């Protein structure tokens, strides 16, 4: 059975990071969307003050709305877990299931600043003190990216809009009404679970 996937990237990345996964899914007959969030990837020229988590939730909701999607398997990686947690609040009827792939699983009111580790917290606080619009990317090596792909990832990562790390998520339980799957990168989701 073919599914419709919307794959949401993590911080500092863009839709480009899903290229290999999307190719495999499309090769299996699935429909796949890999949108890039505002201010990142090929949309880095849009980085400005005011981009926050709500902006990124709207990015994904708008893809689903304008592409007339339904029965979506919504998958987020890392920071993308915040985004895919917010999307069901906007359009719950369009989502079939939600997959958290090595992703944050926030509760109402959480922020990346609250949930992340000390190194990223320090980078966020430093960017805030300087008045920067974005937080500089971490090196691919810090994420455990294999050595062969590190240059590719380092060359394409850009600063993350700072408001996406500091704005709290507003959740009212819509996510919990969907079937969710929390995976780590070494796990594989069985076809029957999609």
Protein backbone atom coordinates (compact mmCIF):
# COMPACT_ATOMS: atom_id res chain seq x y z
CA UNK A 1 0.00 0.00 0.00
CA UNK A 2 1.38 3.41 -0.98
CA UNK A 3 1.47 6.23 1.57
CA UNK A 4 1.98 9.98 1.52
CA UNK A 5 4.96 11.10 3.58
CA UNK A 6 5.83 14.61 4.75
CA UNK A 7 9.39 14.53 6.11
CA UNK A 8 10.40 17.40 8.39
CA UNK A 9 14.10 18.09 8.85
CA UNK A 10 15.91 19.08 12.01
CA UNK A 11 17.67 22.29 13.01
CA UNK A 12 20.21 23.88 10.67
CA UNK A 13 19.21 21.56 7.80
CA UNK A 14 16.78 21.73 4.89
CA UNK A 15 14.70 19.36 2.82
CA UNK A 16 17.97 18.36 1.11
CA UNK A 17 18.90 16.10 4.04
CA UNK A 18 16.05 13.70 3.17
CA UNK A 19 17.19 13.14 -0.44
CA UNK A 20 18.29 9.51 -0.03
CA UNK A 21 15.33 8.55 2.15
CA UNK A 22 12.87 10.25 -0.22
CA UNK A 23 14.39 8.49 -3.24
CA UNK A 24 13.98 5.10 -1.55
CA UNK A 25 10.40 5.80 -0.52
CA UNK A 26 9.49 7.06 -3.99
CA UNK A 27 11.16 3.98 -5.46
CA UNK A 28 8.72 1.91 -3.38
CA UNK A 29 5.78 3.82 -4.85
CA UNK A 30 5.13 6.31 -2.05
CA UNK A 31 4.44 10.04 -2.45
CA UNK A 32 7.03 12.09 -0.56
CA UNK A 33 7.31 15.77 0.33
CA UNK A 34 10.49 17.18 1.91
CA UNK A 35 9.73 20.86 2.54
CA UNK A 36 12.41 23.23 3.76
CA UNK A 37 11.43 25.35 6.75
CA UNK A 38 11.58 29.17 6.52
CA UNK A 39 15.07 30.61 6.95
CA UNK A 40 16.88 27.32 6.26
CA UNK A 41 18.35 25.42 3.31
CA UNK A 42 17.44 26.98 -0.03
CA UNK A 43 15.23 29.38 1.95
CA UNK A 44 18.16 30.72 4.04
CA UNK A 45 17.77 34.10 2.35
CA UNK A 46 14.53 34.52 4.34
CA UNK A 47 16.29 34.43 7.73
CA UNK A 48 15.06 37.41 9.73
CA UNK A 49 13.73 38.40 13.12
CA UNK A 50 10.30 37.00 13.95
CA UNK A 51 10.70 33.47 12.56
CA UNK A 52 9.59 31.14 15.32
CA UNK A 53 8.16 27.68 15.88
CA UNK A 54 4.70 28.82 14.74
CA UNK A 55 6.25 29.87 11.40
CA UNK A 56 7.65 26.38 10.88
CA UNK A 57 4.40 24.70 11.91
CA UNK A 58 2.63 26.91 9.34
CA UNK A 59 5.22 25.91 6.69
CA UNK A 60 4.24 22.24 7.04
CA UNK A 61 0.51 22.88 7.46
CA UNK A 62 0.57 24.96 4.27
CA UNK A 63 2.31 22.22 2.28
CA UNK A 64 -0.41 19.83 3.39
CA UNK A 65 -3.16 22.35 2.59
CA UNK A 66 -1.91 23.54 -0.82
CA UNK A 67 -0.89 20.09 -1.99
CA UNK A 68 -4.32 18.80 -0.92
CA UNK A 69 -2.77 16.02 1.14
CA UNK A 70 -4.62 13.59 3.37
CA UNK A 71 -3.76 10.44 5.28
CA UNK A 72 -0.25 11.88 5.77
CA UNK A 73 2.52 10.00 7.53
CA UNK A 74 4.18 12.96 9.24
CA UNK A 75 7.82 12.29 10.14
CA UNK A 76 10.17 14.64 11.99
CA UNK A 77 13.81 14.37 12.90
CA UNK A 78 15.39 16.08 15.94
CA UNK A 79 13.99 19.67 16.10
CA UNK A 80 11.40 18.48 13.56
CA UNK A 81 9.71 16.72 16.50
CA UNK A 82 8.60 20.13 17.75
CA UNK A 83 7.20 21.01 14.33
CA UNK A 84 5.32 17.75 13.83
CA UNK A 85 3.91 18.07 17.34
CA UNK A 86 2.39 21.43 16.41
CA UNK A 87 0.95 20.45 13.02
CA UNK A 88 -1.87 18.23 14.42
CA UNK A 89 -3.10 21.26 16.37
CA UNK A 90 -3.66 23.00 13.00
CA UNK A 91 -5.00 20.17 10.84
CA UNK A 92 -5.60 16.90 12.68
CA UNK A 93 -7.92 15.39 10.06
CA UNK A 94 -5.18 15.21 7.41
CA UNK A 95 -2.75 13.07 9.42
CA UNK A 96 -2.66 9.26 9.35
CA UNK A 97 0.25 8.80 11.77
CA UNK A 98 3.20 10.64 13.29
CA UNK A 99 6.77 9.33 13.40
CA UNK A 100 9.42 10.84 15.68
CA UNK A 101 12.83 9.86 14.29
CA UNK A 102 15.49 10.65 16.90
CA UNK A 103 13.25 13.64 17.59
CA UNK A 104 12.16 15.81 20.47
CA UNK A 105 8.77 14.84 21.91
CA UNK A 106 7.83 18.11 23.62
CA UNK A 107 5.10 18.78 26.15
CA UNK A 108 2.95 21.91 26.20
CA UNK A 109 5.09 24.98 26.89
CA UNK A 110 8.45 23.31 26.15
CA UNK A 111 11.18 25.01 24.13
CA UNK A 112 14.35 23.72 22.53
CA UNK A 113 16.27 26.00 24.93
CA UNK A 114 14.71 24.10 27.85
CA UNK A 115 15.13 20.56 26.47
CA UNK A 116 18.48 20.61 24.70
CA UNK A 117 21.95 20.03 26.11
CA UNK A 118 24.39 22.58 27.53
CA UNK A 119 26.40 23.15 24.31
CA UNK A 120 23.32 24.20 22.33
CA UNK A 121 21.90 26.15 25.27
CA UNK A 122 25.16 28.13 25.42
CA UNK A 123 25.06 28.77 21.66
CA UNK A 124 21.45 30.01 21.92
CA UNK A 125 22.23 32.30 24.84
CA UNK A 126 25.30 33.69 23.05
CA UNK A 127 23.26 34.39 19.89
CA UNK A 128 20.56 36.07 21.99
CA UNK A 129 23.13 38.29 23.73
CA UNK A 130 24.60 39.34 20.37
CA UNK A 131 21.15 40.01 18.89
CA UNK A 132 21.68 37.48 16.08
CA UNK A 133 18.76 36.24 13.99
CA UNK A 134 20.15 32.70 13.97
CA UNK A 135 22.17 30.18 15.95
CA UNK A 136 25.26 28.94 14.06
CA UNK A 137 25.15 25.29 12.98
CA UNK A 138 26.94 22.58 14.87
CA UNK A 139 29.47 20.50 12.94
CA UNK A 140 28.16 17.31 11.35
CA UNK A 141 30.60 15.30 13.43
CA UNK A 142 28.76 16.41 16.59
CA UNK A 143 25.62 14.71 15.23
CA UNK A 144 27.42 11.45 14.49
CA UNK A 145 27.22 11.91 10.71
CA UNK A 146 29.41 9.35 8.98
CA UNK A 147 32.79 10.66 7.86
CA UNK A 148 32.01 10.38 4.14
CA UNK A 149 29.02 12.74 4.44
CA UNK A 150 30.37 15.33 6.90
CA UNK A 151 31.60 17.82 4.29
CA UNK A 152 28.27 17.60 2.43
CA UNK A 153 26.30 18.30 5.63
CA UNK A 154 28.66 21.01 6.92
CA UNK A 155 28.50 22.84 3.58
CA UNK A 156 24.70 22.89 3.50
CA UNK A 157 23.82 23.64 7.12
CA UNK A 158 22.97 27.26 7.92
CA UNK A 159 22.07 29.22 11.07
CA UNK A 160 18.78 28.18 12.70
CA UNK A 161 16.28 31.00 13.28
CA UNK A 162 16.70 31.80 16.96
CA UNK A 163 12.99 32.19 17.67
CA UNK A 164 12.45 28.53 16.81
CA UNK A 165 14.63 27.60 19.78
CA UNK A 166 13.07 30.02 22.26
CA UNK A 167 9.34 30.04 21.45
CA UNK A 168 7.22 27.64 23.53
CA UNK A 169 5.04 25.07 21.82
CA UNK A 170 1.31 25.23 22.42
CA UNK A 171 -0.20 21.75 22.59
CA UNK A 172 -3.78 20.84 23.45
CA UNK A 173 -3.66 17.05 22.97
CA UNK A 174 -4.20 16.75 19.19
CA UNK A 175 -0.90 14.85 18.77
CA UNK A 176 -1.95 12.23 21.31
CA UNK A 177 -5.11 11.44 19.34
CA UNK A 178 -2.94 10.14 16.47
CA UNK A 179 -0.95 6.96 16.26
CA UNK A 180 2.64 7.94 17.00
CA UNK A 181 5.91 6.08 16.66
CA UNK A 182 9.12 7.13 18.37
CA UNK A 183 12.13 5.68 16.52
CA UNK A 184 15.83 5.88 16.90
CA UNK A 185 17.95 5.99 13.76
CA UNK A 186 18.83 2.30 13.90
CA UNK A 187 15.20 1.13 14.06
CA UNK A 188 13.02 0.47 11.02
CA UNK A 189 9.28 1.09 10.98
CA UNK A 190 7.40 -1.95 9.70
CA UNK A 191 5.14 -1.30 6.69
CA UNK A 192 2.11 -2.32 8.73
CA UNK A 193 2.83 0.45 11.26
CA UNK A 194 2.74 3.33 8.75
